[in-house]
Protein backbone atom coordinates (compact mmCIF):
# COMPACT_ATOMS: atom_id res chain seq x y z
CA MET A 1 0.00 0.00 0.00
CA SER A 2 1.10 3.58 -0.50
CA SER A 3 2.56 5.65 2.31
CA ILE A 4 3.11 9.36 2.88
CA THR A 5 6.45 10.62 4.09
CA THR A 6 7.99 14.01 4.75
CA ALA A 7 11.44 12.96 3.56
CA ARG A 8 13.18 15.59 1.45
CA PRO A 9 13.49 14.75 -2.26
CA VAL A 10 16.82 13.73 -3.71
CA ALA A 11 18.60 16.50 -5.63
CA PRO A 12 17.87 16.04 -9.35
CA VAL A 13 20.45 14.39 -11.52
CA THR A 14 19.96 14.80 -15.25
CA ALA A 15 22.85 13.06 -16.99
CA PRO A 16 22.69 9.29 -17.54
CA VAL A 17 25.83 7.72 -16.12
CA ALA A 18 25.54 4.01 -16.73
CA ALA A 19 23.82 1.51 -18.98
CA PRO A 20 20.74 -0.21 -17.57
CA VAL A 21 21.52 -3.41 -15.71
CA SER A 22 18.32 -5.11 -16.75
CA SER A 23 15.21 -4.52 -18.82
CA PHE A 24 12.59 -2.45 -17.00
CA ALA A 25 9.93 -4.60 -18.65
CA ALA A 26 10.66 -7.09 -15.85
CA PHE A 27 10.30 -4.51 -13.07
CA PHE A 28 8.20 -5.72 -10.12
CA PRO A 29 7.08 -2.86 -7.84
CA THR A 30 6.92 -3.54 -4.10
CA LYS A 31 6.26 -0.09 -2.60
CA LEU A 32 4.95 3.28 -3.74
CA SER A 33 5.57 6.42 -1.66
CA LYS A 34 4.71 10.10 -2.14
CA LEU A 35 6.75 13.04 -0.88
CA ARG A 36 5.28 16.27 0.45
CA ASP A 37 7.09 18.46 -2.09
CA GLY A 38 4.32 18.91 -4.62
CA GLY A 39 4.00 15.43 -6.03
CA THR A 40 7.24 13.42 -6.15
CA VAL A 41 6.57 9.68 -6.33
CA LEU A 42 9.04 6.97 -5.31
CA VAL A 43 8.52 3.38 -6.46
CA ASP A 44 10.76 0.62 -5.09
CA GLY A 45 10.97 -2.79 -6.67
CA GLN A 46 13.02 -5.54 -8.27
CA LEU A 47 14.47 -5.81 -11.76
CA ASN A 48 15.59 -9.38 -11.11
CA LYS A 49 16.75 -11.54 -8.19
CA SER A 50 20.03 -9.66 -7.93
CA VAL A 51 19.12 -6.05 -8.75
CA SER A 52 16.66 -3.74 -7.01
CA ALA A 53 15.64 -0.30 -8.25
CA ARG A 54 14.14 2.90 -6.91
CA ILE A 55 12.31 4.99 -9.51
CA ARG A 56 11.71 8.65 -8.75
CA MET A 57 9.18 10.76 -10.61
CA ASP A 58 10.23 14.32 -9.79
CA GLY A 59 7.15 16.27 -8.73
CA GLY A 60 8.87 19.08 -6.84
CA ILE A 61 6.96 22.32 -7.39
CA ASN A 62 10.08 24.41 -8.03
CA SER A 63 12.22 21.64 -9.52
CA PRO A 64 13.70 22.26 -13.00
CA THR A 65 13.19 18.55 -13.75
CA ARG A 66 9.57 18.36 -12.59
CA GLY A 67 7.79 15.52 -14.38
CA GLN A 68 10.97 13.65 -15.31
CA PHE A 69 11.87 10.11 -14.20
CA PHE A 70 15.10 8.99 -12.54
CA VAL A 71 16.35 5.64 -11.33
CA THR A 72 18.84 4.28 -8.80
CA THR A 73 19.77 0.60 -9.05
CA ARG A 74 21.47 -1.58 -6.47
CA HIS A 75 23.18 -4.92 -7.04
CA PHE A 76 23.31 -7.09 -3.92
CA LEU A 77 27.07 -7.67 -4.42
CA GLN A 78 28.22 -4.52 -6.24
CA GLY A 79 26.22 -1.91 -4.32
CA ALA A 80 24.29 1.09 -5.60
CA ARG A 81 24.84 3.09 -8.75
CA PRO A 82 24.33 6.86 -8.89
CA GLU A 83 20.88 8.13 -9.82
CA ARG A 84 20.43 8.87 -13.51
CA ALA A 85 17.71 9.95 -15.88
CA MET A 86 15.67 7.15 -17.42
CA THR A 87 15.67 6.77 -21.19
CA GLN A 88 12.56 6.80 -23.35
CA ALA A 89 12.95 3.08 -24.06
CA GLU A 90 13.16 2.34 -20.33
CA LEU A 91 10.04 4.39 -19.67
CA LYS A 92 8.13 2.39 -22.27
CA ASP A 93 9.26 -0.85 -20.62
CA LEU A 94 8.36 0.52 -17.20
CA GLN A 95 4.90 1.46 -18.39
CA ALA A 96 4.33 -2.09 -19.64
CA ALA A 97 5.54 -3.50 -16.30
CA ILE A 98 3.27 -1.24 -14.24
CA THR A 99 0.29 -2.05 -16.47
CA ARG A 100 0.93 -5.75 -16.00
CA HIS A 101 1.28 -5.28 -12.24
CA MET A 102 -2.06 -3.45 -12.05
CA ALA A 103 -3.79 -6.27 -13.90
CA LYS A 104 -2.52 -8.80 -11.35
CA THR A 105 -3.21 -6.67 -8.25
CA PRO A 106 -6.49 -4.79 -8.77
CA GLY A 107 -6.41 -3.40 -5.21
CA ARG A 108 -3.44 -1.19 -6.12
CA GLN A 109 -5.10 0.33 -9.16
CA PRO A 110 -5.66 3.90 -7.87
CA GLU A 111 -2.05 4.65 -6.90
CA TYR A 112 -0.52 3.04 -9.99
CA VAL A 113 -3.05 4.44 -12.48
CA GLU A 114 -1.82 7.91 -11.57
CA PHE A 115 1.82 6.80 -11.77
CA ASN A 116 1.24 5.34 -15.25
CA ALA A 117 -0.39 8.59 -16.33
CA ARG A 118 2.76 10.47 -15.33
CA ILE A 119 4.82 8.00 -17.42
CA ARG A 120 2.64 8.73 -20.46
CA GLU A 121 3.14 12.46 -19.97
CA ALA A 122 6.91 12.03 -19.72
CA LEU A 123 6.98 9.93 -22.89
CA ALA A 124 4.99 12.56 -24.76
CA LYS A 125 7.37 15.32 -23.68
CA SER A 126 10.48 13.29 -24.57
CA GLY A 127 9.21 12.42 -28.05
CA PRO A 128 10.63 13.78 -31.30
CA ALA A 129 10.96 17.54 -31.51
CA ARG A 130 8.09 19.22 -33.32
CA VAL A 131 8.90 20.14 -36.90
CA ASP A 132 8.58 23.80 -37.85
CA VAL A 133 7.48 23.27 -41.43
CA ALA A 134 7.55 26.96 -42.32
CA LYS A 135 11.33 26.95 -41.75
CA ILE A 136 11.95 24.15 -44.26
CA PRO A 137 13.18 25.74 -47.53
CA THR A 138 11.06 25.65 -50.69
CA SER A 139 14.18 25.15 -52.81
CA ILE A 140 17.54 23.52 -52.13
CA LEU A 141 20.91 23.17 -53.82
CA GLY A 142 22.79 19.94 -54.38
CA PRO A 143 25.86 18.96 -56.34
CA ASN A 144 25.48 20.72 -59.70
CA ALA A 145 21.68 20.99 -59.40
CA ASN A 146 18.75 22.39 -57.45
CA ALA A 147 15.31 21.14 -56.47
CA SER A 148 11.87 22.50 -55.67
CA VAL A 149 8.45 20.95 -55.05
CA ASN A 150 5.04 21.81 -56.44
CA GLY A 151 1.74 20.02 -56.64
CA SER A 152 -1.97 19.95 -55.96
CA MET A 153 -4.44 17.98 -53.86
CA TRP A 154 -8.17 17.43 -54.19
CA ILE A 155 -11.09 15.31 -53.06
CA ASP A 156 -13.79 13.99 -55.40
CA ARG A 157 -17.27 15.17 -54.40
CA MET A 158 -18.96 14.16 -57.64
CA PRO A 159 -22.46 12.72 -57.08
CA GLY A 160 -23.09 9.13 -57.98
CA PRO A 161 -24.73 5.88 -56.92
CA GLY A 162 -21.65 4.57 -55.10
CA PRO A 163 -20.42 5.46 -51.60
CA ARG A 164 -18.91 8.91 -51.18
CA SER A 165 -15.12 8.75 -51.28
CA ASN A 166 -13.12 10.22 -48.41
CA THR A 167 -9.79 9.83 -50.20
CA VAL A 168 -7.72 12.91 -50.95
CA GLN A 169 -5.76 12.61 -54.19
CA ALA A 170 -2.46 14.42 -54.60
CA SER A 171 -0.04 14.97 -57.45
CA VAL A 172 3.34 16.36 -56.41
CA THR A 173 6.52 16.85 -58.40
CA ILE A 174 10.11 17.48 -57.41
CA GLN A 175 12.16 19.01 -60.16
CA GLY A 176 15.08 21.30 -60.87
CA ASN A 177 17.85 22.32 -63.22
CA GLY A 178 21.25 20.75 -63.60
CA PHE A 179 24.56 22.50 -64.18
CA ASP A 180 25.57 22.78 -67.81
CA ASP A 181 22.17 21.40 -68.87
CA ALA A 182 22.80 18.02 -67.19
CA PRO A 183 19.43 16.73 -65.84
CA PRO A 184 19.53 16.23 -62.05
CA LYS A 185 18.84 12.88 -60.43
CA TYR A 186 16.69 12.67 -57.30
CA ALA A 187 16.58 9.87 -54.71
CA VAL A 188 13.40 10.53 -52.70
CA LYS A 189 13.56 8.74 -49.33
CA LYS A 190 10.35 10.07 -47.80
CA ILE A 191 7.39 12.37 -48.42
CA GLU A 192 5.55 13.85 -45.44
CA VAL A 193 2.40 15.95 -45.39
CA TYR A 194 2.01 18.63 -42.70
CA GLU A 195 -0.85 20.90 -41.68
CA GLN A 196 -0.09 24.62 -41.74
CA GLY A 197 0.08 26.36 -38.37
CA THR A 198 -0.17 23.26 -36.19
CA ASN A 199 2.71 21.37 -37.89
CA LYS A 200 0.58 18.26 -37.52
CA LEU A 201 1.91 15.31 -39.52
CA VAL A 202 -1.05 13.80 -41.39
CA ALA A 203 0.68 11.35 -43.76
CA THR A 204 4.06 9.73 -44.44
CA PHE A 205 5.18 7.87 -47.56
CA ASN A 206 8.48 6.01 -47.20
CA ASN A 207 10.54 5.22 -50.31
CA PRO A 208 7.75 6.35 -52.67
CA LYS A 209 7.87 5.43 -56.34
CA GLY A 210 7.73 8.35 -58.74
CA THR A 211 7.26 8.67 -62.49
CA ASP A 212 10.08 10.23 -64.46
CA THR A 213 8.89 13.46 -66.05
CA GLY A 214 11.72 13.37 -68.58
CA ARG A 215 13.69 16.40 -69.65
CA ILE A 216 11.75 19.62 -69.70
CA GLY A 217 13.58 22.27 -71.63
CA ARG A 218 17.33 22.59 -71.10
CA GLY A 219 18.52 20.49 -68.17
CA THR A 220 15.20 20.48 -66.25
CA HIS A 221 14.20 17.10 -64.88
CA GLY A 222 11.83 15.77 -62.25
CA LEU A 223 9.85 12.98 -60.61
CA GLU A 224 6.07 13.03 -60.23
CA PHE A 225 4.25 11.21 -57.42
CA ALA A 226 0.58 10.24 -57.31
CA LEU A 227 -0.42 9.92 -53.63
CA LYS A 228 -3.60 9.04 -51.75
CA LEU A 229 -4.34 10.45 -48.29
CA ASP A 230 -6.95 9.53 -45.71
CA GLY A 231 -9.42 12.41 -45.81
CA SER A 232 -10.49 11.78 -42.21
CA LYS A 233 -7.06 13.05 -41.07
CA LEU A 234 -7.32 16.34 -42.98
CA ASP A 235 -9.29 19.50 -42.27
CA LEU A 236 -10.50 20.75 -45.66
CA SER A 237 -10.55 24.30 -44.34
CA LYS A 238 -6.77 24.25 -43.77
CA GLN A 239 -3.70 24.20 -46.00
CA TYR A 240 -0.99 21.55 -46.27
CA ALA A 241 2.60 21.26 -47.43
CA PHE A 242 4.48 18.28 -48.88
CA VAL A 243 7.97 17.83 -47.41
CA PHE A 244 10.41 15.77 -49.47
CA THR A 245 13.52 14.17 -48.00
CA THR A 246 15.68 13.65 -51.05
CA GLY A 247 19.22 13.29 -52.28
CA ILE A 248 20.42 15.19 -55.34
CA ASN A 249 22.95 13.59 -57.67
CA GLY A 250 24.01 11.07 -55.02
CA ALA A 251 24.45 13.57 -52.15
CA ALA A 252 23.10 13.12 -48.62
CA PRO A 253 19.34 13.70 -48.33
CA LYS A 254 17.95 17.15 -47.55
CA GLN A 255 14.46 18.43 -46.85
CA VAL A 256 12.57 20.65 -49.27
CA ARG A 257 8.88 21.53 -49.17
CA SER A 258 6.10 22.77 -51.36
CA GLU A 259 4.17 25.94 -50.69
CA PHE A 260 1.13 25.41 -48.48
CA MET A 261 -1.90 24.47 -50.57
CA ASN A 262 -5.63 24.05 -50.21
CA VAL A 263 -7.49 20.76 -50.65
CA GLY A 264 -9.58 21.32 -53.75
CA GLN A 265 -13.02 19.79 -54.07
CA VAL A 266 -14.30 18.42 -57.38
CA PHE A 267 -18.08 18.54 -57.72
């Protein structure tokens, strides 16, 4: 059962100092305590027969690491290791372990439900940094060539006897000019679609297959992609940009985006 203590919280330590001694997916909690500092939670338990662990969720009101998770492990022969920040992978394993523990001990649900909620919040905050799509360039330079992206997207609203389609069609092209009229070659690794303003990622196409547009004029060359998007993930009142991750003439991939565009409706 949980207990309340007035013990002072451990000073935060932010730098990981050692590799985990065991997977946290095997963690078995034995005690949950709360500190009177605003919400710090301590969970003691076992990683295996030889290694115990104390997990600290920093809830200190004025703590710069409030909401973060730390761990101290102790081997029965080698002693304790310094506290360190938990990794995202460890938090995911810990969440699975706590969920399994709750299923086996329903009487401890209230105290561990809250603890698991704090794990979810920490995982969300430690996820990939949000992309600022507006800062991605609309044209890039590569070895002896450049590249830019243009396209259009629409949804078919034509009446008919069949079910109404909720698929958004898109046609996007990456193209550019090569030095001395040599047509550039593009290796598109990924196409992502982002919502303007929110930077919400609504679709990803890995290693898409494009159609060669051939040479257009002197040294202009491109690839055209026909894409289908799930209309339920798009707000037709907003605009979207296509972000290409592509190599040019064998160089390392770079990001280049289209201008933001509306979703047209065909009636």
